Amino acid sequence: MSLRIVRRLQQLYPDASGSRLKRAVIEGQVTVDGEVVDDPGVFVAEGSAVVWDPNRKIRRRVDTSLEVLYEDDDAVAVVKPAGLLTHPTEANEMDTLLSRLSLWAKRRFGVGRRSYVAVVHRLDKETSGVLVFARSSRGLHDLQAQLRNHTMDRRYVAVVEGDLFGDAGTFDQDLVEDRGDRRRGVARPGSKGTPAVTEWKVLERFGVATLVEVRLKTGRTHQIRVHFAHAGHPVAGDPVYRDPRRPPFPIAFPRQALHAGRLGWVTPAGEKVLVEADPPADFTHLLESLRARMKRRQRG
């Protein structure tokens, strides 16, 4: 029987926390049959020799690739690739968008006040798109206020399963942190949750799926994914909120098909900023595959 490497380590080292063991894997301190394995998502066969050596030199690998879209003295907007965390979790991951941006700032401005970088908001690990970081305490206060007051323009494109009814609409449904299975969900009738409003409009239809532009009027965790899944149109590739009883989606996609393509805010000086980024190649390939599938079915 195979188990994820962290689960196997928990069996072997029960006194260590899961987050500590995950960090040990990421930092290259764990070997499987003598070979270093640094991916905490890897499955390990039951008979494999798994060893954690806390004295092994830690790998501190930070990918320096970074796409900067906009910068001024108070803010910097960059593209987050799918699969990259916005900032470290309790496992203290080395390679995150924040670490890449911090390294960029230190190399450009040197260590000190000019290299200040702070997180304003985040995207899920498997969501791609534009994020803005603060480059001053003034910028942090101002951007967080706009986020809190819902005046920041945040727009996404998403591929959702099924053929949405209507050309545009709004989900105005409170969300709860635990719908009963330790996952976020829409509050039940008569129950109180956190207000969440999601506006959408159809950009393209594929029969089995719909390409939509989504505008967040509030910014709750997993808001888009929860709202569309509750409506019976989960985001394609979403393994968390998609009902497992649904028939398989005809085109496999390894992550949720969600991209933050547009971000707008106002600088402390009152100037409007609008930053946009096209979807990455995997998202574009999914759209091409859906178009090709629809044409084949129309011809047939």
C-alpha atoms as a PDB file:
ATOM      1  CA  MET A   1       0.000   0.000   0.000  1.00  0.00           C
ATOM      2  CA  SER A   2       1.370   3.407  -1.001  1.00  0.00           C
ATOM      3  CA  LEU A   3       1.148   6.487   1.206  1.00  0.00           C
ATOM      4  CA  ARG A   4       2.152  10.091   0.738  1.00  0.00           C
ATOM      5  CA  ILE A   5       5.671  10.617   1.966  1.00  0.00           C
ATOM      6  CA  VAL A   6       4.663  12.868   4.875  1.00  0.00           C
ATOM      7  CA  ARG A   7       2.138  10.292   6.105  1.00  0.00           C
ATOM      8  CA  ARG A   8       4.835   7.613   5.940  1.00  0.00           C
ATOM      9  CA  LEU A   9       7.202   9.855   7.899  1.00  0.00           C
ATOM     10  CA  GLN A  10       4.537  10.387  10.552  1.00  0.00           C
ATOM     11  CA  GLN A  11       4.441   6.632  11.048  1.00  0.00           C
ATOM     12  CA  LEU A  12       8.229   6.485  11.369  1.00  0.00           C
ATOM     13  CA  TYR A  13       8.684   9.678  13.429  1.00  0.00           C
ATOM     14  CA  PRO A  14       5.501  10.034  15.517  1.00  0.00           C
ATOM     15  CA  ASP A  15       7.012  12.673  17.817  1.00  0.00           C
ATOM     16  CA  ALA A  16       7.470  15.165  14.942  1.00  0.00           C
ATOM     17  CA  SER A  17       4.614  17.340  13.707  1.00  0.00           C
ATOM     18  CA  GLY A  18       3.283  16.961  10.188  1.00  0.00           C
ATOM     19  CA  SER A  19       4.356  20.494   9.275  1.00  0.00           C
ATOM     20  CA  ARG A  20       7.909  19.820  10.498  1.00  0.00           C
ATOM     21  CA  LEU A  21       8.104  16.644   8.436  1.00  0.00           C
ATOM     22  CA  LYS A  22       6.719  18.387   5.372  1.00  0.00           C
ATOM     23  CA  ARG A  23       9.375  21.071   5.743  1.00  0.00           C
ATOM     24  CA  ALA A  24      12.054  18.372   6.069  1.00  0.00           C
ATOM     25  CA  VAL A  25      10.942  16.926   2.736  1.00  0.00           C
ATOM     26  CA  ILE A  26      10.901  20.314   1.006  1.00  0.00           C
ATOM     27  CA  GLU A  27      14.354  21.142   2.377  1.00  0.00           C
ATOM     28  CA  GLY A  28      15.864  17.932   1.012  1.00  0.00           C
ATOM     29  CA  GLN A  29      16.460  16.135   4.314  1.00  0.00           C
ATOM     30  CA  VAL A  30      14.465  13.016   3.410  1.00  0.00           C
ATOM     31  CA  THR A  31      15.591  10.136   1.204  1.00  0.00           C
ATOM     32  CA  VAL A  32      13.644   7.262  -0.312  1.00  0.00           C
ATOM     33  CA  ASP A  33      15.791   4.227  -1.058  1.00  0.00           C
ATOM     34  CA  GLY A  34      18.832   6.477  -0.799  1.00  0.00           C
ATOM     35  CA  GLU A  35      17.566   9.197  -3.177  1.00  0.00           C
ATOM     36  CA  VAL A  36      16.524  12.657  -1.994  1.00  0.00           C
ATOM     37  CA  VAL A  37      12.804  13.322  -2.520  1.00  0.00           C
ATOM     38  CA  ASP A  38      11.731  16.940  -1.979  1.00  0.00           C
ATOM     39  CA  ASP A  39       8.111  16.808  -3.130  1.00  0.00           C
ATOM     40  CA  PRO A  40       5.710  16.333  -0.163  1.00  0.00           C
ATOM     41  CA  GLY A  41       2.997  15.117  -2.545  1.00  0.00           C
ATOM     42  CA  VAL A  42       4.918  12.021  -3.661  1.00  0.00           C
ATOM     43  CA  PHE A  43       3.503   8.569  -2.867  1.00  0.00           C
ATOM     44  CA  VAL A  44       5.900   6.037  -1.354  1.00  0.00           C
ATOM     45  CA  ALA A  45       5.570   2.264  -1.684  1.00  0.00           C
ATOM     46  CA  GLU A  46       5.226   0.302   1.543  1.00  0.00           C
ATOM     47  CA  GLY A  47       8.572  -1.473   1.203  1.00  0.00           C
ATOM     48  CA  SER A  48      10.618   1.657   0.463  1.00  0.00           C
ATOM     49  CA  ALA A  49      13.321   2.791   2.872  1.00  0.00           C
ATOM     50  CA  VAL A  50      12.325   6.280   4.004  1.00  0.00           C
ATOM     51  CA  VAL A  51      14.855   8.165   6.129  1.00  0.00           C
ATOM     52  CA  TRP A  52      14.833  11.655   7.607  1.00  0.00           C
ATOM     53  CA  ASP A  53      18.286  13.002   8.416  1.00  0.00           C
ATOM     54  CA  PRO A  54      17.876  16.280  10.361  1.00  0.00           C
ATOM     55  CA  ASN A  55      21.640  16.821  10.064  1.00  0.00           C
ATOM     56  CA  ARG A  56      21.560  16.809   6.264  1.00  0.00           C
ATOM     57  CA  LYS A  57      22.350  20.230   4.799  1.00  0.00           C
ATOM     58  CA  ILE A  58      19.136  22.118   4.090  1.00  0.00           C
ATOM     59  CA  ARG A  59      18.378  22.971   0.501  1.00  0.00           C
ATOM     60  CA  ARG A  60      17.254  26.571   0.291  1.00  0.00           C
ATOM     61  CA  ARG A  61      16.212  26.796  -3.308  1.00  0.00           C
ATOM     62  CA  VAL A  62      14.461  29.935  -4.457  1.00  0.00           C
ATOM     63  CA  ASP A  63      13.515  30.237  -8.108  1.00  0.00           C
ATOM     64  CA  THR A  64      14.372  33.760  -9.192  1.00  0.00           C
ATOM     65  CA  SER A  65      12.020  33.892 -12.195  1.00  0.00           C
ATOM     66  CA  LEU A  66       9.568  36.756 -11.812  1.00  0.00           C
ATOM     67  CA  GLU A  67       7.322  38.732 -14.161  1.00  0.00           C
ATOM     68  CA  VAL A  68       6.863  42.303 -12.929  1.00  0.00           C
ATOM     69  CA  LEU A  69       3.945  44.140 -14.531  1.00  0.00           C
ATOM     70  CA  TYR A  70       3.945  47.430 -12.609  1.00  0.00           C
ATOM     71  CA  GLU A  71       5.878  49.167  -9.867  1.00  0.00           C
ATOM     72  CA  ASP A  72       6.049  52.448  -8.013  1.00  0.00           C
ATOM     73  CA  ASP A  73       7.301  53.489  -4.566  1.00  0.00           C
ATOM     74  CA  ASP A  74       4.259  51.995  -2.839  1.00  0.00           C
ATOM     75  CA  ALA A  75       3.300  48.901  -4.842  1.00  0.00           C
ATOM     76  CA  VAL A  76       4.540  46.255  -7.235  1.00  0.00           C
ATOM     77  CA  ALA A  77       2.298  43.980  -9.310  1.00  0.00           C
ATOM     78  CA  VAL A  78       3.556  40.601 -10.506  1.00  0.00           C
ATOM     79  CA  VAL A  79       2.257  37.417 -12.142  1.00  0.00           C
ATOM     80  CA  LYS A  80       1.828  34.372  -9.918  1.00  0.00           C
ATOM     81  CA  PRO A  81       2.299  31.116 -11.830  1.00  0.00           C
ATOM     82  CA  ALA A  82      -0.041  28.233 -11.083  1.00  0.00           C
ATOM     83  CA  GLY A  83       1.505  25.816  -8.590  1.00  0.00           C
ATOM     84  CA  LEU A  84       3.370  28.481  -6.610  1.00  0.00           C
ATOM     85  CA  LEU A  85       2.309  29.601  -3.131  1.00  0.00           C
ATOM     86  CA  THR A  86       1.796  33.316  -2.563  1.00  0.00           C
ATOM     87  CA  HIS A  87       3.616  33.139   0.775  1.00  0.00           C
ATOM     88  CA  PRO A  88       4.944  30.381   3.058  1.00  0.00           C
ATOM     89  CA  THR A  89       2.596  28.263   5.143  1.00  0.00           C
ATOM     90  CA  GLU A  90       3.418  26.735   8.511  1.00  0.00           C
ATOM     91  CA  ALA A  91       5.655  24.287   6.602  1.00  0.00           C
ATOM     92  CA  ASN A  92       7.937  27.274   5.877  1.00  0.00           C
ATOM     93  CA  GLU A  93       8.322  26.638   2.128  1.00  0.00           C
ATOM     94  CA  MET A  94      11.373  28.284   0.602  1.00  0.00           C
ATOM     95  CA  ASP A  95      10.108  29.001  -2.910  1.00  0.00           C
ATOM     96  CA  THR A  96       7.061  31.260  -2.878  1.00  0.00           C
ATOM     97  CA  LEU A  97       6.039  34.336  -4.829  1.00  0.00           C
ATOM     98  CA  LEU A  98       6.891  36.450  -1.782  1.00  0.00           C
ATOM     99  CA  SER A  99      10.403  34.981  -1.545  1.00  0.00           C
ATOM    100  CA  ARG A 100      11.018  35.588  -5.251  1.00  0.00           C
ATOM    101  CA  LEU A 101       9.811  39.172  -4.976  1.00  0.00           C
ATOM    102  CA  SER A 102      11.822  39.810  -1.800  1.00  0.00           C
ATOM    103  CA  LEU A 103      14.966  38.549  -3.535  1.00  0.00           C
ATOM    104  CA  TRP A 104      14.199  40.766  -6.534  1.00  0.00           C
ATOM    105  CA  ALA A 105      13.827  43.811  -4.283  1.00  0.00           C
ATOM    106  CA  LYS A 106      17.043  43.116  -2.361  1.00  0.00           C
ATOM    107  CA  ARG A 107      19.027  42.643  -5.542  1.00  0.00           C
ATOM    108  CA  ARG A 108      17.621  45.816  -7.024  1.00  0.00           C
ATOM    109  CA  PHE A 109      17.628  48.138  -4.034  1.00  0.00           C
ATOM    110  CA  GLY A 110      19.890  46.444  -1.474  1.00  0.00           C
ATOM    111  CA  VAL A 111      18.894  45.495   2.051  1.00  0.00           C
ATOM    112  CA  GLY A 112      16.954  48.246   3.839  1.00  0.00           C
ATOM    113  CA  ARG A 113      13.824  50.319   3.622  1.00  0.00           C
ATOM    114  CA  ARG A 114      13.783  50.318  -0.184  1.00  0.00           C
ATOM    115  CA  SER A 115      13.589  46.520  -0.271  1.00  0.00           C
ATOM    116  CA  TYR A 116      10.368  46.430   1.808  1.00  0.00           C
ATOM    117  CA  VAL A 117       7.817  43.949   0.414  1.00  0.00           C
ATOM    118  CA  ALA A 118       4.559  42.967   2.123  1.00  0.00           C
ATOM    119  CA  VAL A 119       1.633  40.717   1.183  1.00  0.00           C
ATOM    120  CA  VAL A 120      -1.650  42.515   0.480  1.00  0.00           C
ATOM    121  CA  HIS A 121      -3.806  39.618  -0.728  1.00  0.00           C
ATOM    122  CA  ARG A 122      -3.217  36.145  -2.115  1.00  0.00           C
ATOM    123  CA  LEU A 123      -4.272  33.618  -4.713  1.00  0.00           C
ATOM    124  CA  ASP A 124      -4.731  29.896  -4.158  1.00  0.00           C
ATOM    125  CA  LYS A 125      -1.646  27.864  -5.009  1.00  0.00           C
ATOM    126  CA  GLU A 126      -3.143  26.440  -8.226  1.00  0.00           C
ATOM    127  CA  THR A 127      -4.650  29.750  -9.390  1.00  0.00           C
ATOM    128  CA  SER A 128      -2.580  31.907 -11.731  1.00  0.00           C
ATOM    129  CA  GLY A 129      -2.700  35.645 -12.257  1.00  0.00           C
ATOM    130  CA  VAL A 130      -1.963  39.154 -11.057  1.00  0.00           C
ATOM    131  CA  LEU A 131      -1.120  39.992  -7.453  1.00  0.00           C
ATOM    132  CA  VAL A 132      -0.092  43.312  -5.959  1.00  0.00           C
ATOM    133  CA  PHE A 133       2.378  43.586  -3.073  1.00  0.00           C
ATOM    134  CA  ALA A 134       3.079  46.674  -0.978  1.00  0.00           C
ATOM    135  CA  ARG A 135       6.466  48.354  -1.205  1.00  0.00           C
ATOM    136  CA  SER A 136       5.937  50.755   1.692  1.00  0.00           C
ATOM    137  CA  SER A 137       3.930  50.871   4.901  1.00  0.00           C
ATOM    138  CA  ARG A 138       1.834  53.632   3.325  1.00  0.00           C
ATOM    139  CA  GLY A 139       1.165  51.398   0.334  1.00  0.00           C
ATOM    140  CA  LEU A 140       0.251  48.453   2.571  1.00  0.00           C
ATOM    141  CA  HIS A 141      -2.243  50.501   4.594  1.00  0.00           C
ATOM    142  CA  ASP A 142      -3.795  52.015   1.462  1.00  0.00           C
ATOM    143  CA  LEU A 143      -4.074  48.777  -0.519  1.00  0.00           C
ATOM    144  CA  GLN A 144      -5.470  46.817   2.420  1.00  0.00           C
ATOM    145  CA  ALA A 145      -8.088  49.535   2.950  1.00  0.00           C
ATOM    146  CA  GLN A 146      -9.198  49.230  -0.691  1.00  0.00           C
ATOM    147  CA  LEU A 147      -9.329  45.460  -0.355  1.00  0.00           C
ATOM    148  CA  ARG A 148     -11.321  45.722   2.875  1.00  0.00           C
ATOM    149  CA  ASN A 149     -13.738  48.264   1.368  1.00  0.00           C
ATOM    150  CA  HIS A 150     -14.124  46.177  -1.828  1.00  0.00           C
ATOM    151  CA  THR A 151     -13.035  49.050  -4.073  1.00  0.00           C
ATOM    152  CA  MET A 152     -10.152  47.106  -5.636  1.00  0.00           C
ATOM    153  CA  ASP A 153     -11.073  45.900  -9.132  1.00  0.00           C
ATOM    154  CA  ARG A 154     -10.450  42.118  -9.142  1.00  0.00           C
ATOM    155  CA  ARG A 155     -11.482  40.174 -12.223  1.00  0.00           C
ATOM    156  CA  TYR A 156     -10.881  36.565 -13.172  1.00  0.00           C
ATOM    157  CA  VAL A 157     -11.527  34.283 -16.095  1.00  0.00           C
ATOM    158  CA  ALA A 158     -12.681  30.750 -15.354  1.00  0.00           C
ATOM    159  CA  VAL A 159     -13.790  27.664 -17.207  1.00  0.00           C
ATOM    160  CA  VAL A 160     -16.784  26.190 -15.389  1.00  0.00           C
ATOM    161  CA  GLU A 161     -18.470  22.885 -16.145  1.00  0.00           C
ATOM    162  CA  GLY A 162     -21.790  22.848 -17.950  1.00  0.00           C
ATOM    163  CA  ASP A 163     -23.732  25.431 -19.935  1.00  0.00           C
ATOM    164  CA  LEU A 164     -24.598  28.360 -17.690  1.00  0.00           C
ATOM    165  CA  PHE A 165     -28.137  29.685 -17.966  1.00  0.00           C
ATOM    166  CA  GLY A 166     -28.183  33.353 -18.978  1.00  0.00           C
ATOM    167  CA  ASP A 167     -25.455  35.661 -20.185  1.00  0.00           C
ATOM    168  CA  ALA A 168     -24.696  37.260 -16.818  1.00  0.00           C
ATOM    169  CA  GLY A 169     -25.597  36.925 -13.177  1.00  0.00           C
ATOM    170  CA  THR A 170     -24.694  37.438  -9.545  1.00  0.00           C
ATOM    171  CA  PHE A 171     -24.182  34.996  -6.692  1.00  0.00           C
ATOM    172  CA  ASP A 172     -25.108  36.731  -3.447  1.00  0.00           C
ATOM    173  CA  GLN A 173     -24.790  33.933  -0.906  1.00  0.00           C
ATOM    174  CA  ASP A 174     -23.178  33.894   2.515  1.00  0.00           C
ATOM    175  CA  LEU A 175     -20.295  31.478   2.969  1.00  0.00           C
ATOM    176  CA  VAL A 176     -19.361  29.297   5.937  1.00  0.00           C
ATOM    177  CA  GLU A 177     -15.927  27.895   6.765  1.00  0.00           C
ATOM    178  CA  ASP A 178     -17.245  24.371   7.347  1.00  0.00           C
ATOM    179  CA  ARG A 179     -20.306  23.063   5.534  1.00  0.00           C
ATOM    180  CA  GLY A 180     -20.095  19.838   7.513  1.00  0.00           C
ATOM    181  CA  ASP A 181     -17.171  18.128   5.799  1.00  0.00           C
ATOM    182  CA  ARG A 182     -14.394  20.553   6.804  1.00  0.00           C
ATOM    183  CA  ARG A 183     -14.735  22.407   3.533  1.00  0.00           C
ATOM    184  CA  ARG A 184     -16.071  25.862   2.845  1.00  0.00           C
ATOM    185  CA  GLY A 185     -19.569  26.158   1.490  1.00  0.00           C
ATOM    186  CA  VAL A 186     -22.722  28.227   1.109  1.00  0.00           C
ATOM    187  CA  ALA A 187     -24.649  28.841   4.319  1.00  0.00           C
ATOM    188  CA  ARG A 188     -27.846  26.852   4.654  1.00  0.00           C
ATOM    189  CA  PRO A 189     -31.196  28.699   4.580  1.00  0.00           C
ATOM    190  CA  GLY A 190     -31.772  30.370   7.913  1.00  0.00           C
ATOM    191  CA  SER A 191     -28.087  30.118   8.872  1.00  0.00           C
ATOM    192  CA  LYS A 192     -25.733  33.076   9.035  1.00  0.00           C
ATOM    193  CA  GLY A 193     -22.445  33.166   7.207  1.00  0.00           C
ATOM    194  CA  THR A 194     -19.988  35.702   5.827  1.00  0.00           C
ATOM    195  CA  PRO A 195     -21.475  37.880   3.049  1.00  0.00           C
ATOM    196  CA  ALA A 196     -20.034  37.050  -0.375  1.00  0.00           C
ATOM    197  CA  VAL A 197     -20.985  38.513  -3.758  1.00  0.00           C
ATOM    198  CA  THR A 198     -19.674  37.222  -7.095  1.00  0.00           C
ATOM    199  CA  GLU A 199     -20.645  38.784 -10.440  1.00  0.00           C
ATOM    200  CA  TRP A 200     -20.174  36.853 -13.677  1.00  0.00           C
ATOM    201  CA  LYS A 201     -20.743  37.144 -17.393  1.00  0.00           C
ATOM    202  CA  VAL A 202     -20.369  34.607 -20.175  1.00  0.00           C
ATOM    203  CA  LEU A 203     -17.494  35.070 -22.619  1.00  0.00           C
ATOM    204  CA  GLU A 204     -17.736  31.834 -24.614  1.00  0.00           C
ATOM    205  CA  ARG A 205     -19.766  28.619 -24.585  1.00  0.00           C
ATOM    206  CA  PHE A 206     -18.484  25.113 -25.336  1.00  0.00           C
ATOM    207  CA  GLY A 207     -21.541  23.016 -24.522  1.00  0.00           C
ATOM    208  CA  VAL A 208     -19.856  20.963 -21.805  1.00  0.00           C
ATOM    209  CA  ALA A 209     -18.284  24.079 -20.296  1.00  0.00           C
ATOM    210  CA  THR A 210     -18.518  27.864 -20.216  1.00  0.00           C
ATOM    211  CA  LEU A 211     -15.798  30.502 -20.177  1.00  0.00           C
ATOM    212  CA  VAL A 212     -16.790  33.293 -17.800  1.00  0.00           C
ATOM    213  CA  GLU A 213     -15.384  36.571 -16.569  1.00  0.00           C
ATOM    214  CA  VAL A 214     -15.839  36.858 -12.821  1.00  0.00           C
ATOM    215  CA  ARG A 215     -15.733  40.030 -10.750  1.00  0.00           C
ATOM    216  CA  LEU A 216     -15.361  39.832  -7.004  1.00  0.00           C
ATOM    217  CA  LYS A 217     -17.439  42.295  -5.014  1.00  0.00           C
ATOM    218  CA  THR A 218     -16.115  40.650  -1.840  1.00  0.00           C
ATOM    219  CA  GLY A 219     -12.939  38.650  -1.381  1.00  0.00           C
ATOM    220  CA  ARG A 220     -13.668  35.515   0.631  1.00  0.00           C
ATOM    221  CA  THR A 221     -11.430  32.461   0.569  1.00  0.00           C
ATOM    222  CA  HIS A 222     -12.380  30.130  -2.329  1.00  0.00           C
ATOM    223  CA  GLN A 223     -15.367  32.364  -3.059  1.00  0.00           C
ATOM    224  CA  ILE A 224     -15.496  31.791  -6.822  1.00  0.00           C
ATOM    225  CA  ARG A 225     -14.966  28.047  -6.520  1.00  0.00           C
ATOM    226  CA  VAL A 226     -17.623  27.635  -3.820  1.00  0.00           C
ATOM    227  CA  HIS A 227     -20.254  29.802  -5.510  1.00  0.00           C
ATOM    228  CA  PHE A 228     -19.990  28.100  -8.895  1.00  0.00           C
ATOM    229  CA  ALA A 229     -19.841  24.601  -7.423  1.00  0.00           C
ATOM    230  CA  HIS A 230     -22.957  25.310  -5.341  1.00  0.00           C
ATOM    231  CA  ALA A 231     -24.723  26.439  -8.531  1.00  0.00           C
ATOM    232  CA  GLY A 232     -23.907  23.107 -10.172  1.00  0.00           C
ATOM    233  CA  HIS A 233     -21.119  24.514 -12.332  1.00  0.00           C
ATOM    234  CA  PRO A 234     -17.819  23.727 -10.591  1.00  0.00           C
ATOM    235  CA  VAL A 235     -14.630  25.253 -11.911  1.00  0.00           C
ATOM    236  CA  ALA A 236     -13.063  22.736 -14.280  1.00  0.00           C
ATOM    237  CA  GLY A 237     -10.220  20.837 -12.645  1.00  0.00           C
ATOM    238  CA  ASP A 238     -11.252  21.715  -9.090  1.00  0.00           C
ATOM    239  CA  PRO A 239     -10.677  18.582  -6.983  1.00  0.00           C
ATOM    240  CA  VAL A 240     -12.025  20.094  -3.767  1.00  0.00           C
ATOM    241  CA  TYR A 241     -15.490  21.465  -4.492  1.00  0.00           C
ATOM    242  CA  ARG A 242     -16.498  19.361  -7.504  1.00  0.00           C
ATOM    243  CA  ASP A 243     -19.100  16.736  -6.600  1.00  0.00           C
ATOM    244  CA  PRO A 244     -17.345  13.367  -7.082  1.00  0.00           C
ATOM    245  CA  ARG A 245     -20.648  11.905  -8.281  1.00  0.00           C
ATOM    246  CA  ARG A 246     -20.536  14.045 -11.426  1.00  0.00           C
ATOM    247  CA  PRO A 247     -19.465  12.297 -14.650  1.00  0.00           C
ATOM    248  CA  PRO A 248     -15.772  12.893 -15.473  1.00  0.00           C
ATOM    249  CA  PHE A 249     -15.042  16.154 -17.268  1.00  0.00           C
ATOM    250  CA  PRO A 250     -14.202  15.240 -20.907  1.00  0.00           C
ATOM    251  CA  ILE A 251     -10.895  17.125 -20.936  1.00  0.00           C
ATOM    252  CA  ALA A 252      -8.468  16.501 -18.088  1.00  0.00           C
ATOM    253  CA  PHE A 253      -7.011  19.610 -16.444  1.00  0.00           C
ATOM    254  CA  PRO A 254      -4.547  19.289 -13.539  1.00  0.00           C
ATOM    255  CA  ARG A 255      -5.708  22.320 -11.551  1.00  0.00           C
ATOM    256  CA  GLN A 256      -8.702  24.607 -11.166  1.00  0.00           C
ATOM    257  CA  ALA A 257      -9.144  26.549 -14.416  1.00  0.00           C
ATOM    258  CA  LEU A 258      -9.066  29.947 -12.742  1.00  0.00           C
ATOM    259  CA  HIS A 259      -6.914  32.942 -13.684  1.00  0.00           C
ATOM    260  CA  ALA A 260      -6.796  36.395 -12.069  1.00  0.00           C
ATOM    261  CA  GLY A 261      -6.426  38.430 -15.233  1.00  0.00           C
ATOM    262  CA  ARG A 262      -7.151  41.980 -14.105  1.00  0.00           C
ATOM    263  CA  LEU A 263      -6.376  44.047 -11.029  1.00  0.00           C
ATOM    264  CA  GLY A 264      -7.059  47.726 -10.456  1.00  0.00           C
ATOM    265  CA  TRP A 265      -6.464  50.084  -7.545  1.00  0.00           C
ATOM    266  CA  VAL A 266      -5.850  53.742  -6.709  1.00  0.00           C
ATOM    267  CA  THR A 267      -2.445  55.001  -5.569  1.00  0.00           C
ATOM    268  CA  PRO A 268      -2.060  57.153  -2.430  1.00  0.00           C
ATOM    269  CA  ALA A 269      -1.723  60.109  -4.828  1.00  0.00           C
ATOM    270  CA  GLY A 270      -5.151  59.344  -6.303  1.00  0.00           C
ATOM    271  CA  GLU A 271      -3.985  57.885  -9.617  1.00  0.00           C
ATOM    272  CA  LYS A 272      -5.811  54.858 -11.036  1.00  0.00           C
ATOM    273  CA  VAL A 273      -3.746  51.769 -11.875  1.00  0.00           C
ATOM    274  CA  LEU A 274      -4.984  48.872 -14.007  1.00  0.00           C
ATOM    275  CA  VAL A 275      -2.821  45.791 -14.559  1.00  0.00           C
ATOM    276  CA  GLU A 276      -3.699  42.833 -16.783  1.00  0.00           C
ATOM    277  CA  ALA A 277      -2.136  39.464 -17.591  1.00  0.00           C
ATOM    278  CA  ASP A 278      -3.146  36.900 -20.196  1.00  0.00           C
ATOM    279  CA  PRO A 279      -3.923  33.345 -19.049  1.00  0.00           C
ATOM    280  CA  PRO A 280      -0.965  30.933 -19.071  1.00  0.00           C
ATOM    281  CA  ALA A 281      -0.350  28.297 -21.718  1.00  0.00           C
ATOM    282  CA  ASP A 282      -2.165  25.446 -19.939  1.00  0.00           C
ATOM    283  CA  PHE A 283      -5.343  27.534 -19.639  1.00  0.00           C
ATOM    284  CA  THR A 284      -5.134  28.568 -23.299  1.00  0.00           C
ATOM    285  CA  HIS A 285      -4.605  24.952 -24.340  1.00  0.00           C
ATOM    286  CA  LEU A 286      -7.731  23.943 -22.407  1.00  0.00           C
ATOM    287  CA  LEU A 287      -9.757  26.547 -24.315  1.00  0.00           C
ATOM    288  CA  GLU A 288      -8.360  25.327 -27.629  1.00  0.00           C
ATOM    289  CA  SER A 289      -9.238  21.737 -26.736  1.00  0.00           C
ATOM    290  CA  LEU A 290     -12.797  22.708 -25.788  1.00  0.00           C
ATOM    291  CA  ARG A 291     -13.247  24.628 -29.067  1.00  0.00           C
ATOM    292  CA  ALA A 292     -11.917  21.698 -31.084  1.00  0.00           C
ATOM    293  CA  ARG A 293     -14.211  19.282 -29.255  1.00  0.00           C
ATOM    294  CA  MET A 294     -17.247  21.467 -29.925  1.00  0.00           C
ATOM    295  CA  LYS A 295     -16.415  21.730 -33.649  1.00  0.00           C
ATOM    296  CA  ARG A 296     -16.040  17.944 -33.921  1.00  0.00           C
ATOM    297  CA  ARG A 297     -19.416  17.388 -32.294  1.00  0.00           C
ATOM    298  CA  GLN A 298     -21.075  20.020 -34.508  1.00  0.00           C
ATOM    299  CA  ARG A 299     -19.688  18.321 -37.626  1.00  0.00           C
ATOM    300  CA  GLY A 300     -20.714  14.883 -36.393  1.00  0.00           C
END
